[in-house]
Amino acid sequence: GAVVRSRQLSSFAGDLFDRDLAGKGADVFPLELSIPQAQGGPGRLMSFRSPMAVHQAQTALFSSPYGYHDMLIPLLETARDRVLVQQMRIQEDWLEGDVLSSLFRAAERGVQVRVMLDSGLGTAEENRRTAAALNQLAASSSWDLECRLMNESLCIERLHNKGVVVDDMVLVGSANWVDNSMEENRELMLAIRSEEVASIYSSWFQ
């Protein structure tokens, strides 16, 4: 995650929330009816700890349907050095889709590509097939591309990230690389351009 102090971004997100709230059938009710105080509802003191480090960065916010997808492809097309992808799931039929085609073209240009996927219940079977297909394609094409499933020996139960690092750009948000996230769901993805921030996320990925 990332905390961004930006009047423009908060205004964009607030306007989007208001438009969604005004939509037909929006299901909104008072927070105290949803979450008990003991679980963090109203009345409980919620603490906010400042980030360990503060960085100046260029930032932008993209939403789905379609907005994130339409930003992601040209970003991958301009990758020069590295693309690091952590996803809970990459839809198997995306192997022949436009996003992974852009990823493959990056690998063809000599970009280092690393992909990590979840290995938990409900995702492992499809992700294993996707990983096998990616690694087989990389081997036959002599690309510097590797895909792994999360190591089950780690103390982490699920790889729930939807994060990408492309050179000095970090993408962090809620969108999986699946049709629903890109075309039907309301998702938000934050783009952060900063060599320092990209280095931090890259170290976490490694």
N, C-alpha and C. Protein backbone atom coordinates (compact mmCIF):
# COMPACT_ATOMS: atom_id res chain seq x y z
N GLY A 1 0.83 -1.20 0.00
CA GLY A 1 0.00 0.00 0.00
C GLY A 1 0.86 1.25 0.00
N ALA A 2 0.23 2.38 -0.18
CA ALA A 2 0.93 3.65 -0.18
C ALA A 2 -0.03 4.73 0.31
N VAL A 3 0.51 5.67 1.05
CA VAL A 3 -0.26 6.83 1.49
C VAL A 3 0.23 8.03 0.70
N VAL A 4 -0.69 8.71 0.03
CA VAL A 4 -0.31 9.84 -0.82
C VAL A 4 -1.01 11.10 -0.32
N ARG A 5 -0.23 12.14 -0.14
CA ARG A 5 -0.81 13.43 0.22
C ARG A 5 -0.92 14.26 -1.05
N SER A 6 -2.13 14.40 -1.55
CA SER A 6 -2.35 15.11 -2.81
C SER A 6 -3.79 15.60 -2.87
N ARG A 7 -3.98 16.89 -2.97
CA ARG A 7 -5.33 17.43 -3.06
C ARG A 7 -6.00 16.96 -4.35
N GLN A 8 -5.23 16.90 -5.45
CA GLN A 8 -5.81 16.48 -6.73
C GLN A 8 -6.29 15.04 -6.68
N LEU A 9 -5.46 14.15 -6.13
CA LEU A 9 -5.85 12.74 -6.08
C LEU A 9 -7.04 12.52 -5.15
N SER A 10 -7.05 13.19 -4.00
CA SER A 10 -8.18 13.01 -3.09
C SER A 10 -9.45 13.56 -3.70
N SER A 11 -9.34 14.65 -4.46
CA SER A 11 -10.51 15.21 -5.13
C SER A 11 -11.03 14.26 -6.19
N PHE A 12 -10.12 13.67 -6.97
CA PHE A 12 -10.52 12.70 -8.00
C PHE A 12 -11.23 11.51 -7.36
N ALA A 13 -10.65 10.96 -6.28
CA ALA A 13 -11.23 9.79 -5.62
C ALA A 13 -12.58 10.15 -4.98
N GLY A 14 -12.66 11.34 -4.38
CA GLY A 14 -13.92 11.76 -3.78
C GLY A 14 -15.03 11.94 -4.80
N ASP A 15 -14.69 12.54 -5.93
CA ASP A 15 -15.69 12.72 -7.00
C ASP A 15 -16.17 11.37 -7.53
N LEU A 16 -15.23 10.44 -7.69
CA LEU A 16 -15.59 9.10 -8.17
C LEU A 16 -16.52 8.41 -7.18
N PHE A 17 -16.20 8.54 -5.89
CA PHE A 17 -17.06 7.95 -4.85
C PHE A 17 -18.46 8.55 -4.92
N ASP A 18 -18.55 9.87 -5.05
CA ASP A 18 -19.85 10.52 -5.10
C ASP A 18 -20.67 10.06 -6.30
N ARG A 19 -20.01 9.89 -7.45
CA ARG A 19 -20.74 9.42 -8.65
C ARG A 19 -21.24 8.00 -8.44
N ASP A 20 -20.39 7.15 -7.85
CA ASP A 20 -20.82 5.78 -7.58
C ASP A 20 -21.96 5.74 -6.57
N LEU A 21 -21.87 6.60 -5.56
CA LEU A 21 -22.89 6.63 -4.53
C LEU A 21 -24.24 7.06 -5.09
N ALA A 22 -24.20 7.92 -6.11
CA ALA A 22 -25.44 8.41 -6.72
C ALA A 22 -26.05 7.40 -7.68
N GLY A 23 -25.34 6.32 -7.95
CA GLY A 23 -25.83 5.33 -8.90
C GLY A 23 -27.02 4.56 -8.35
N LYS A 24 -27.78 4.02 -9.25
CA LYS A 24 -28.97 3.26 -8.88
C LYS A 24 -28.59 2.02 -8.08
N GLY A 25 -29.25 1.82 -6.96
CA GLY A 25 -29.04 0.61 -6.18
C GLY A 25 -27.82 0.63 -5.29
N ALA A 26 -27.18 1.80 -5.08
CA ALA A 26 -26.03 1.86 -4.18
C ALA A 26 -26.46 1.47 -2.77
N ASP A 27 -25.75 0.50 -2.19
CA ASP A 27 -26.13 -0.06 -0.89
C ASP A 27 -25.26 0.58 0.19
N VAL A 28 -25.74 1.66 0.78
CA VAL A 28 -24.97 2.40 1.79
C VAL A 28 -25.82 2.58 3.03
N PHE A 29 -25.22 2.32 4.20
CA PHE A 29 -25.93 2.47 5.45
C PHE A 29 -24.94 2.90 6.52
N PRO A 30 -25.43 3.38 7.67
CA PRO A 30 -24.52 3.91 8.69
C PRO A 30 -23.49 2.88 9.15
N LEU A 31 -22.28 3.34 9.37
CA LEU A 31 -21.19 2.45 9.74
C LEU A 31 -21.49 1.70 11.04
N GLU A 32 -22.16 2.38 12.00
CA GLU A 32 -22.40 1.74 13.29
C GLU A 32 -23.33 0.54 13.16
N LEU A 33 -24.08 0.45 12.06
CA LEU A 33 -24.95 -0.71 11.84
C LEU A 33 -24.19 -1.87 11.23
N SER A 34 -22.96 -1.62 10.82
CA SER A 34 -22.20 -2.63 10.11
C SER A 34 -21.08 -3.21 10.96
N ILE A 35 -20.33 -2.35 11.66
CA ILE A 35 -19.13 -2.80 12.36
C ILE A 35 -19.24 -2.47 13.84
N PRO A 36 -19.23 -3.47 14.73
CA PRO A 36 -19.27 -3.20 16.17
C PRO A 36 -18.04 -2.41 16.61
N GLN A 37 -18.20 -1.67 17.70
CA GLN A 37 -17.10 -0.86 18.21
C GLN A 37 -15.87 -1.72 18.50
N ALA A 38 -16.10 -2.91 19.06
CA ALA A 38 -14.98 -3.78 19.43
C ALA A 38 -14.17 -4.21 18.22
N GLN A 39 -14.75 -4.13 17.03
CA GLN A 39 -14.06 -4.53 15.80
C GLN A 39 -13.60 -3.34 14.97
N GLY A 40 -13.57 -2.17 15.59
CA GLY A 40 -13.07 -1.02 14.86
C GLY A 40 -14.13 -0.07 14.38
N GLY A 41 -15.37 -0.27 14.81
CA GLY A 41 -16.45 0.62 14.42
C GLY A 41 -16.38 1.95 15.13
N PRO A 42 -17.38 2.81 14.95
CA PRO A 42 -17.38 4.14 15.56
C PRO A 42 -17.20 4.07 17.07
N GLY A 43 -16.40 4.99 17.59
CA GLY A 43 -16.14 5.04 19.02
C GLY A 43 -14.80 4.47 19.40
N ARG A 44 -14.25 3.61 18.57
CA ARG A 44 -12.93 3.06 18.85
C ARG A 44 -11.88 4.00 18.27
N LEU A 45 -10.81 4.25 19.01
CA LEU A 45 -9.76 5.13 18.54
C LEU A 45 -8.95 4.41 17.47
N MET A 46 -8.99 4.93 16.26
CA MET A 46 -8.25 4.33 15.15
C MET A 46 -6.93 5.06 15.00
N SER A 47 -5.84 4.35 15.09
CA SER A 47 -4.53 4.98 15.03
C SER A 47 -4.02 5.01 13.60
N PHE A 48 -3.25 6.03 13.29
CA PHE A 48 -2.60 6.13 11.99
C PHE A 48 -1.13 6.40 12.22
N ARG A 49 -0.30 5.49 11.79
CA ARG A 49 1.14 5.64 11.95
C ARG A 49 1.73 6.19 10.66
N SER A 50 2.48 7.25 10.78
CA SER A 50 3.09 7.84 9.59
C SER A 50 4.06 6.85 8.96
N PRO A 51 4.22 6.92 7.63
CA PRO A 51 5.18 6.02 6.97
C PRO A 51 6.58 6.22 7.51
N MET A 52 7.38 5.17 7.43
CA MET A 52 8.75 5.25 7.89
C MET A 52 9.56 6.27 7.09
N ALA A 53 9.25 6.39 5.82
CA ALA A 53 9.99 7.32 4.96
C ALA A 53 9.00 8.10 4.11
N VAL A 54 9.35 9.33 3.81
CA VAL A 54 8.52 10.18 2.98
C VAL A 54 9.29 10.49 1.69
N HIS A 55 8.63 10.34 0.56
CA HIS A 55 9.28 10.56 -0.73
C HIS A 55 8.45 11.52 -1.57
N GLN A 56 9.12 12.32 -2.34
CA GLN A 56 8.47 13.13 -3.37
C GLN A 56 8.32 12.26 -4.62
N ALA A 57 7.16 12.26 -5.22
CA ALA A 57 6.96 11.39 -6.38
C ALA A 57 5.84 11.96 -7.25
N GLN A 58 5.91 11.62 -8.54
CA GLN A 58 4.78 11.88 -9.43
C GLN A 58 3.76 10.78 -9.22
N THR A 59 2.50 11.16 -9.06
CA THR A 59 1.47 10.17 -8.81
C THR A 59 0.27 10.41 -9.71
N ALA A 60 -0.45 9.34 -9.99
CA ALA A 60 -1.70 9.42 -10.75
C ALA A 60 -2.59 8.28 -10.29
N LEU A 61 -3.89 8.47 -10.43
CA LEU A 61 -4.86 7.48 -9.99
C LEU A 61 -5.70 7.05 -11.19
N PHE A 62 -5.81 5.74 -11.39
CA PHE A 62 -6.56 5.20 -12.52
C PHE A 62 -7.66 4.29 -11.99
N SER A 63 -8.79 4.29 -12.69
CA SER A 63 -9.92 3.48 -12.25
C SER A 63 -10.32 2.50 -13.35
N SER A 64 -10.95 1.43 -12.91
CA SER A 64 -11.61 0.52 -13.83
C SER A 64 -13.11 0.69 -13.64
N PRO A 65 -13.91 0.36 -14.63
CA PRO A 65 -13.58 -0.34 -15.86
C PRO A 65 -12.72 0.46 -16.85
N TYR A 66 -11.80 -0.25 -17.48
CA TYR A 66 -11.02 0.14 -18.66
C TYR A 66 -9.89 1.13 -18.41
N GLY A 67 -10.01 2.06 -17.47
CA GLY A 67 -8.98 3.08 -17.32
C GLY A 67 -7.61 2.50 -16.99
N TYR A 68 -7.56 1.57 -16.02
CA TYR A 68 -6.29 0.95 -15.65
C TYR A 68 -5.74 0.12 -16.81
N HIS A 69 -6.59 -0.65 -17.44
CA HIS A 69 -6.19 -1.47 -18.59
C HIS A 69 -5.55 -0.61 -19.67
N ASP A 70 -6.18 0.52 -19.97
CA ASP A 70 -5.70 1.37 -21.07
C ASP A 70 -4.40 2.08 -20.71
N MET A 71 -4.09 2.23 -19.43
CA MET A 71 -2.81 2.78 -19.00
C MET A 71 -1.72 1.71 -18.96
N LEU A 72 -2.10 0.49 -18.56
CA LEU A 72 -1.13 -0.57 -18.33
C LEU A 72 -0.40 -0.99 -19.60
N ILE A 73 -1.12 -1.13 -20.70
CA ILE A 73 -0.51 -1.64 -21.93
C ILE A 73 0.60 -0.71 -22.44
N PRO A 74 0.36 0.60 -22.63
CA PRO A 74 1.46 1.45 -23.08
C PRO A 74 2.61 1.52 -22.09
N LEU A 75 2.33 1.36 -20.79
CA LEU A 75 3.41 1.33 -19.81
C LEU A 75 4.31 0.12 -20.04
N LEU A 76 3.71 -1.05 -20.24
CA LEU A 76 4.50 -2.25 -20.51
C LEU A 76 5.25 -2.13 -21.84
N GLU A 77 4.65 -1.45 -22.80
CA GLU A 77 5.29 -1.30 -24.11
C GLU A 77 6.54 -0.43 -24.03
N THR A 78 6.65 0.42 -23.00
CA THR A 78 7.81 1.29 -22.88
C THR A 78 8.81 0.80 -21.83
N ALA A 79 8.58 -0.37 -21.24
CA ALA A 79 9.50 -0.90 -20.24
C ALA A 79 10.90 -1.07 -20.83
N ARG A 80 11.90 -0.68 -20.05
CA ARG A 80 13.28 -0.74 -20.52
C ARG A 80 14.12 -1.79 -19.79
N ASP A 81 13.96 -1.87 -18.46
CA ASP A 81 14.87 -2.69 -17.67
C ASP A 81 14.18 -3.83 -16.92
N ARG A 82 13.05 -3.55 -16.29
CA ARG A 82 12.43 -4.58 -15.44
C ARG A 82 10.92 -4.43 -15.41
N VAL A 83 10.26 -5.58 -15.28
CA VAL A 83 8.83 -5.63 -14.98
C VAL A 83 8.65 -6.70 -13.91
N LEU A 84 8.16 -6.28 -12.74
CA LEU A 84 7.91 -7.19 -11.63
C LEU A 84 6.40 -7.20 -11.37
N VAL A 85 5.82 -8.38 -11.37
CA VAL A 85 4.36 -8.50 -11.26
C VAL A 85 4.02 -9.41 -10.09
N GLN A 86 3.23 -8.92 -9.13
CA GLN A 86 2.62 -9.76 -8.11
C GLN A 86 1.11 -9.68 -8.28
N GLN A 87 0.50 -10.84 -8.50
CA GLN A 87 -0.94 -10.91 -8.70
C GLN A 87 -1.50 -12.12 -7.97
N MET A 88 -2.66 -11.95 -7.39
CA MET A 88 -3.34 -13.10 -6.81
C MET A 88 -3.67 -14.11 -7.91
N ARG A 89 -4.00 -13.58 -9.08
CA ARG A 89 -4.40 -14.46 -10.18
C ARG A 89 -4.19 -13.75 -11.51
N ILE A 90 -3.69 -14.47 -12.49
CA ILE A 90 -3.71 -14.00 -13.87
C ILE A 90 -4.58 -14.97 -14.65
N GLN A 91 -5.61 -14.46 -15.25
CA GLN A 91 -6.57 -15.29 -15.97
C GLN A 91 -5.86 -16.07 -17.07
N GLU A 92 -6.13 -17.37 -17.13
CA GLU A 92 -5.38 -18.25 -18.02
C GLU A 92 -5.51 -17.85 -19.48
N ASP A 93 -6.71 -17.43 -19.90
CA ASP A 93 -6.87 -17.08 -21.31
C ASP A 93 -6.24 -15.72 -21.65
N TRP A 94 -5.69 -15.05 -20.64
CA TRP A 94 -4.93 -13.82 -20.92
C TRP A 94 -3.59 -14.12 -21.59
N LEU A 95 -3.20 -15.40 -21.64
CA LEU A 95 -1.95 -15.75 -22.31
C LEU A 95 -1.96 -15.32 -23.77
N GLU A 96 -3.14 -15.16 -24.33
CA GLU A 96 -3.27 -14.69 -25.71
C GLU A 96 -3.93 -13.31 -25.78
N GLY A 97 -3.94 -12.60 -24.65
CA GLY A 97 -4.57 -11.29 -24.60
C GLY A 97 -3.59 -10.15 -24.76
N ASP A 98 -4.12 -8.92 -24.76
CA ASP A 98 -3.28 -7.77 -25.08
C ASP A 98 -2.31 -7.40 -23.97
N VAL A 99 -2.68 -7.61 -22.69
CA VAL A 99 -1.77 -7.26 -21.60
C VAL A 99 -0.54 -8.16 -21.61
N LEU A 100 -0.74 -9.47 -21.66
CA LEU A 100 0.41 -10.37 -21.67
C LEU A 100 1.18 -10.29 -22.98
N SER A 101 0.52 -9.95 -24.07
CA SER A 101 1.26 -9.72 -25.32
C SER A 101 2.24 -8.56 -25.16
N SER A 102 1.83 -7.51 -24.45
CA SER A 102 2.73 -6.39 -24.18
C SER A 102 3.86 -6.83 -23.26
N LEU A 103 3.55 -7.70 -22.30
CA LEU A 103 4.59 -8.24 -21.42
C LEU A 103 5.59 -9.07 -22.21
N PHE A 104 5.10 -9.87 -23.15
CA PHE A 104 5.99 -10.70 -23.97
C PHE A 104 6.88 -9.83 -24.87
N ARG A 105 6.34 -8.76 -25.40
CA ARG A 105 7.15 -7.88 -26.24
C ARG A 105 8.25 -7.21 -25.42
N ALA A 106 7.96 -6.91 -24.15
CA ALA A 106 9.00 -6.38 -23.28
C ALA A 106 10.12 -7.41 -23.10
N ALA A 107 9.74 -8.67 -22.87
CA ALA A 107 10.75 -9.73 -22.73
C ALA A 107 11.55 -9.89 -24.02
N GLU A 108 10.90 -9.76 -25.16
CA GLU A 108 11.61 -9.85 -26.44
C GLU A 108 12.66 -8.75 -26.58
N ARG A 109 12.40 -7.58 -25.98
CA ARG A 109 13.35 -6.47 -26.05
C ARG A 109 14.49 -6.65 -25.06
N GLY A 110 14.47 -7.70 -24.26
CA GLY A 110 15.52 -7.93 -23.30
C GLY A 110 15.21 -7.44 -21.90
N VAL A 111 13.97 -7.02 -21.65
CA VAL A 111 13.57 -6.58 -20.32
C VAL A 111 13.48 -7.79 -19.38
N GLN A 112 13.98 -7.63 -18.16
CA GLN A 112 13.84 -8.68 -17.17
C GLN A 112 12.40 -8.69 -16.66
N VAL A 113 11.74 -9.85 -16.73
CA VAL A 113 10.34 -9.97 -16.32
C VAL A 113 10.24 -11.06 -15.26
N ARG A 114 9.64 -10.71 -14.13
CA ARG A 114 9.40 -11.66 -13.05
C ARG A 114 7.94 -11.58 -12.65
N VAL A 115 7.31 -12.74 -12.49
CA VAL A 115 5.89 -12.80 -12.14
C VAL A 115 5.74 -13.73 -10.95
N MET A 116 4.99 -13.30 -9.93
CA MET A 116 4.69 -14.13 -8.77
C MET A 116 3.18 -14.19 -8.59
N LEU A 117 2.67 -15.42 -8.42
CA LEU A 117 1.23 -15.65 -8.32
C LEU A 117 0.89 -16.38 -7.02
N ASP A 118 -0.36 -16.30 -6.63
CA ASP A 118 -0.83 -16.96 -5.42
C ASP A 118 -0.88 -18.47 -5.63
N SER A 119 -0.72 -19.21 -4.52
CA SER A 119 -0.80 -20.67 -4.59
C SER A 119 -1.83 -21.21 -3.61
N GLY A 120 -2.82 -20.38 -3.29
CA GLY A 120 -3.82 -20.78 -2.31
C GLY A 120 -5.03 -21.45 -2.92
N LEU A 121 -5.95 -21.82 -2.04
CA LEU A 121 -7.18 -22.49 -2.47
C LEU A 121 -7.97 -21.59 -3.41
N GLY A 122 -8.35 -22.14 -4.55
CA GLY A 122 -9.16 -21.39 -5.50
C GLY A 122 -8.37 -20.74 -6.62
N THR A 123 -7.06 -20.59 -6.43
CA THR A 123 -6.23 -19.97 -7.47
C THR A 123 -5.09 -20.87 -7.94
N ALA A 124 -4.69 -21.82 -7.10
CA ALA A 124 -3.46 -22.57 -7.36
C ALA A 124 -3.50 -23.32 -8.69
N GLU A 125 -4.60 -23.99 -8.98
CA GLU A 125 -4.64 -24.84 -10.17
C GLU A 125 -4.46 -24.02 -11.45
N GLU A 126 -5.25 -22.94 -11.58
CA GLU A 126 -5.12 -22.10 -12.78
C GLU A 126 -3.77 -21.40 -12.82
N ASN A 127 -3.31 -20.91 -11.67
CA ASN A 127 -2.03 -20.22 -11.64
C ASN A 127 -0.86 -21.15 -12.00
N ARG A 128 -0.95 -22.42 -11.61
CA ARG A 128 0.12 -23.36 -12.00
C ARG A 128 0.15 -23.53 -13.51
N ARG A 129 -1.01 -23.62 -14.13
CA ARG A 129 -1.04 -23.76 -15.59
C ARG A 129 -0.49 -22.49 -16.26
N THR A 130 -0.89 -21.33 -15.73
CA THR A 130 -0.40 -20.07 -16.29
C THR A 130 1.10 -19.97 -16.13
N ALA A 131 1.61 -20.31 -14.94
CA ALA A 131 3.05 -20.24 -14.70
C ALA A 131 3.82 -21.19 -15.61
N ALA A 132 3.30 -22.41 -15.77
CA ALA A 132 3.96 -23.37 -16.64
C ALA A 132 4.01 -22.86 -18.08
N ALA A 133 2.93 -22.27 -18.55
CA ALA A 133 2.90 -21.75 -19.92
C ALA A 133 3.88 -20.59 -20.08
N LEU A 134 3.94 -19.69 -19.10
CA LEU A 134 4.87 -18.56 -19.17
C LEU A 134 6.32 -19.05 -19.18
N ASN A 135 6.65 -19.98 -18.31
CA ASN A 135 8.02 -20.46 -18.23
C ASN A 135 8.43 -21.26 -19.46
N GLN A 136 7.48 -22.00 -20.03
CA GLN A 136 7.78 -22.75 -21.25
C GLN A 136 8.03 -21.79 -22.41
N LEU A 137 7.21 -20.74 -22.50
CA LEU A 137 7.39 -19.75 -23.56
C LEU A 137 8.71 -19.01 -23.39
N ALA A 138 9.07 -18.70 -22.15
CA ALA A 138 10.33 -18.02 -21.90
C ALA A 138 11.52 -18.89 -22.30
N ALA A 139 11.45 -20.17 -21.99
CA ALA A 139 12.55 -21.08 -22.32
C ALA A 139 12.70 -21.24 -23.83
N SER A 140 11.57 -21.38 -24.53
CA SER A 140 11.65 -21.58 -25.98
C SER A 140 12.07 -20.31 -26.72
N SER A 141 11.84 -19.15 -26.09
CA SER A 141 12.17 -17.88 -26.74
C SER A 141 13.45 -17.26 -26.21
N SER A 142 14.08 -17.93 -25.23
CA SER A 142 15.31 -17.42 -24.59
C SER A 142 15.10 -16.04 -23.98
N TRP A 143 13.97 -15.85 -23.30
CA TRP A 143 13.67 -14.60 -22.62
C TRP A 143 14.13 -14.66 -21.18
N ASP A 144 14.42 -13.50 -20.61
CA ASP A 144 14.72 -13.38 -19.19
C ASP A 144 13.40 -13.18 -18.45
N LEU A 145 12.58 -14.20 -18.50
CA LEU A 145 11.24 -14.17 -17.90
C LEU A 145 11.07 -15.41 -17.05
N GLU A 146 10.55 -15.22 -15.84
CA GLU A 146 10.31 -16.34 -14.94
C GLU A 146 9.03 -16.08 -14.15
N CYS A 147 8.24 -17.12 -13.98
CA CYS A 147 7.01 -17.04 -13.19
C CYS A 147 7.05 -18.10 -12.10
N ARG A 148 6.76 -17.70 -10.87
CA ARG A 148 6.70 -18.62 -9.75
C ARG A 148 5.40 -18.43 -8.99
N LEU A 149 4.96 -19.51 -8.35
CA LEU A 149 3.89 -19.41 -7.37
C LEU A 149 4.51 -19.12 -6.01
N MET A 150 3.76 -18.46 -5.15
CA MET A 150 4.27 -18.12 -3.83
C MET A 150 4.70 -19.37 -3.09
N ASN A 151 5.84 -19.27 -2.42
CA ASN A 151 6.38 -20.40 -1.66
C ASN A 151 5.44 -20.72 -0.50
N GLU A 152 4.95 -21.94 -0.46
CA GLU A 152 3.99 -22.33 0.55
C GLU A 152 4.61 -22.44 1.94
N SER A 153 5.95 -22.40 2.03
CA SER A 153 6.60 -22.48 3.34
C SER A 153 6.63 -21.13 4.04
N LEU A 154 6.26 -20.05 3.33
CA LEU A 154 6.25 -18.73 3.95
C LEU A 154 5.13 -18.64 4.97
N CYS A 155 5.23 -17.64 5.85
CA CYS A 155 4.19 -17.45 6.87
C CYS A 155 2.98 -16.72 6.31
N ILE A 156 3.01 -16.36 5.02
CA ILE A 156 1.92 -15.65 4.38
C ILE A 156 0.94 -16.67 3.79
N GLU A 157 -0.33 -16.54 4.12
CA GLU A 157 -1.31 -17.52 3.65
C GLU A 157 -1.75 -17.27 2.22
N ARG A 158 -1.90 -16.00 1.84
CA ARG A 158 -2.35 -15.68 0.49
C ARG A 158 -1.48 -14.57 -0.08
N LEU A 159 -1.17 -14.68 -1.36
CA LEU A 159 -0.57 -13.57 -2.08
C LEU A 159 -1.73 -12.77 -2.67
N HIS A 160 -2.08 -11.69 -2.02
CA HIS A 160 -3.27 -10.94 -2.39
C HIS A 160 -2.93 -9.64 -3.11
N ASN A 161 -1.64 -9.42 -3.37
CA ASN A 161 -1.21 -8.19 -4.04
C ASN A 161 -1.75 -8.08 -5.45
N LYS A 162 -1.91 -6.84 -5.88
CA LYS A 162 -2.20 -6.51 -7.27
C LYS A 162 -1.19 -5.44 -7.66
N GLY A 163 0.08 -5.77 -7.56
CA GLY A 163 1.14 -4.78 -7.71
C GLY A 163 2.04 -5.05 -8.90
N VAL A 164 2.58 -3.97 -9.46
CA VAL A 164 3.48 -4.07 -10.61
C VAL A 164 4.56 -3.00 -10.45
N VAL A 165 5.80 -3.36 -10.77
CA VAL A 165 6.88 -2.38 -10.89
C VAL A 165 7.38 -2.44 -12.33
N VAL A 166 7.35 -1.29 -13.00
CA VAL A 166 7.88 -1.18 -14.35
C VAL A 166 8.95 -0.08 -14.32
N ASP A 167 10.21 -0.48 -14.38
CA ASP A 167 11.32 0.48 -14.27
C ASP A 167 11.17 1.29 -13.00
N ASP A 168 10.92 2.61 -13.09
CA ASP A 168 10.78 3.43 -11.88
C ASP A 168 9.32 3.77 -11.58
N MET A 169 8.40 3.00 -12.12
CA MET A 169 6.97 3.20 -11.89
C MET A 169 6.42 2.05 -11.05
N VAL A 170 5.68 2.39 -9.98
CA VAL A 170 5.02 1.39 -9.14
C VAL A 170 3.51 1.53 -9.33
N LEU A 171 2.84 0.41 -9.52
CA LEU A 171 1.37 0.38 -9.58
C LEU A 171 0.89 -0.44 -8.39
N VAL A 172 0.03 0.15 -7.57
CA VAL A 172 -0.51 -0.58 -6.42
C VAL A 172 -1.99 -0.24 -6.30
N GLY A 173 -2.81 -1.28 -6.11
CA GLY A 173 -4.25 -1.03 -6.04
C GLY A 173 -5.02 -2.32 -5.87
N SER A 174 -6.20 -2.38 -6.46
CA SER A 174 -7.11 -3.50 -6.20
C SER A 174 -7.36 -4.39 -7.41
N ALA A 175 -6.81 -4.08 -8.56
CA ALA A 175 -7.21 -4.76 -9.80
C ALA A 175 -6.37 -6.01 -10.08
N ASN A 176 -7.03 -7.15 -10.12
CA ASN A 176 -6.40 -8.38 -10.60
C ASN A 176 -6.29 -8.34 -12.12
N TRP A 177 -5.40 -9.19 -12.66
CA TRP A 177 -5.27 -9.30 -14.11
C TRP A 177 -6.29 -10.33 -14.61
N VAL A 178 -7.55 -9.94 -14.51
CA VAL A 178 -8.66 -10.78 -14.96
C VAL A 178 -9.69 -9.87 -15.62
N ASP A 179 -10.55 -10.44 -16.44
CA ASP A 179 -11.53 -9.65 -17.18
C ASP A 179 -12.43 -8.82 -16.27
N ASN A 180 -12.92 -9.43 -15.17
CA ASN A 180 -13.83 -8.70 -14.30
C ASN A 180 -13.21 -7.43 -13.76
N SER A 181 -11.96 -7.51 -13.32
CA SER A 181 -11.31 -6.32 -12.75
C SER A 181 -11.15 -5.22 -13.78
N MET A 182 -10.81 -5.60 -15.00
CA MET A 182 -10.51 -4.61 -16.02
C MET A 182 -11.77 -4.04 -16.68
N GLU A 183 -12.82 -4.86 -16.79
CA GLU A 183 -13.95 -4.48 -17.63
C GLU A 183 -15.26 -4.25 -16.88
N GLU A 184 -15.39 -4.77 -15.65
CA GLU A 184 -16.69 -4.71 -14.99
C GLU A 184 -16.64 -4.12 -13.59
N ASN A 185 -15.58 -4.38 -12.83
CA ASN A 185 -15.54 -3.95 -11.44
C ASN A 185 -15.09 -2.49 -11.32
N ARG A 186 -15.46 -1.84 -10.22
CA ARG A 186 -14.84 -0.58 -9.86
C ARG A 186 -13.53 -0.92 -9.14
N GLU A 187 -12.41 -0.58 -9.73
CA GLU A 187 -11.10 -0.79 -9.14
C GLU A 187 -10.33 0.53 -9.20
N LEU A 188 -9.40 0.71 -8.29
CA LEU A 188 -8.50 1.85 -8.33
C LEU A 188 -7.07 1.36 -8.30
N MET A 189 -6.21 1.99 -9.12
CA MET A 189 -4.78 1.69 -9.13
C MET A 189 -4.03 3.01 -9.04
N LEU A 190 -3.10 3.06 -8.09
CA LEU A 190 -2.26 4.23 -7.91
C LEU A 190 -0.94 4.01 -8.64
N ALA A 191 -0.55 4.97 -9.45
CA ALA A 191 0.74 4.93 -10.15
C ALA A 191 1.68 5.91 -9.46
N ILE A 192 2.84 5.42 -9.06
CA ILE A 192 3.85 6.23 -8.38
C ILE A 192 5.14 6.16 -9.19
N ARG A 193 5.59 7.31 -9.70
CA ARG A 193 6.86 7.34 -10.44
C ARG A 193 7.95 7.92 -9.55
N SER A 194 8.86 7.05 -9.13
CA SER A 194 9.95 7.43 -8.25
C SER A 194 10.98 6.32 -8.22
N GLU A 195 12.24 6.63 -8.49
CA GLU A 195 13.28 5.61 -8.42
C GLU A 195 13.39 5.04 -7.02
N GLU A 196 13.29 5.92 -6.00
CA GLU A 196 13.42 5.46 -4.61
C GLU A 196 12.27 4.53 -4.23
N VAL A 197 11.05 4.92 -4.55
CA VAL A 197 9.89 4.10 -4.20
C VAL A 197 9.92 2.78 -4.97
N ALA A 198 10.27 2.83 -6.24
CA ALA A 198 10.36 1.60 -7.03
C ALA A 198 11.41 0.66 -6.47
N SER A 199 12.50 1.22 -5.95
CA SER A 199 13.55 0.40 -5.34
C SER A 199 13.03 -0.30 -4.09
N ILE A 200 12.22 0.41 -3.29
CA ILE A 200 11.64 -0.20 -2.08
C ILE A 200 10.73 -1.37 -2.45
N TYR A 201 9.82 -1.15 -3.38
CA TYR A 201 8.90 -2.22 -3.79
C TYR A 201 9.65 -3.39 -4.43
N SER A 202 10.68 -3.08 -5.20
CA SER A 202 11.47 -4.14 -5.83
C SER A 202 12.16 -5.01 -4.79
N SER A 203 12.66 -4.36 -3.71
CA SER A 203 13.32 -5.14 -2.65
C SER A 203 12.31 -6.04 -1.94
N TRP A 204 11.08 -5.53 -1.73
CA TRP A 204 10.04 -6.38 -1.12
C TRP A 204 9.73 -7.56 -2.04
N PHE A 205 9.64 -7.29 -3.33
CA PHE A 205 9.34 -8.36 -4.29
C PHE A 205 10.43 -9.43 -4.23
N GLN A 206 11.68 -9.01 -4.24
CA GLN A 206 12.79 -9.97 -4.21
C GLN A 206 12.81 -10.76 -2.89
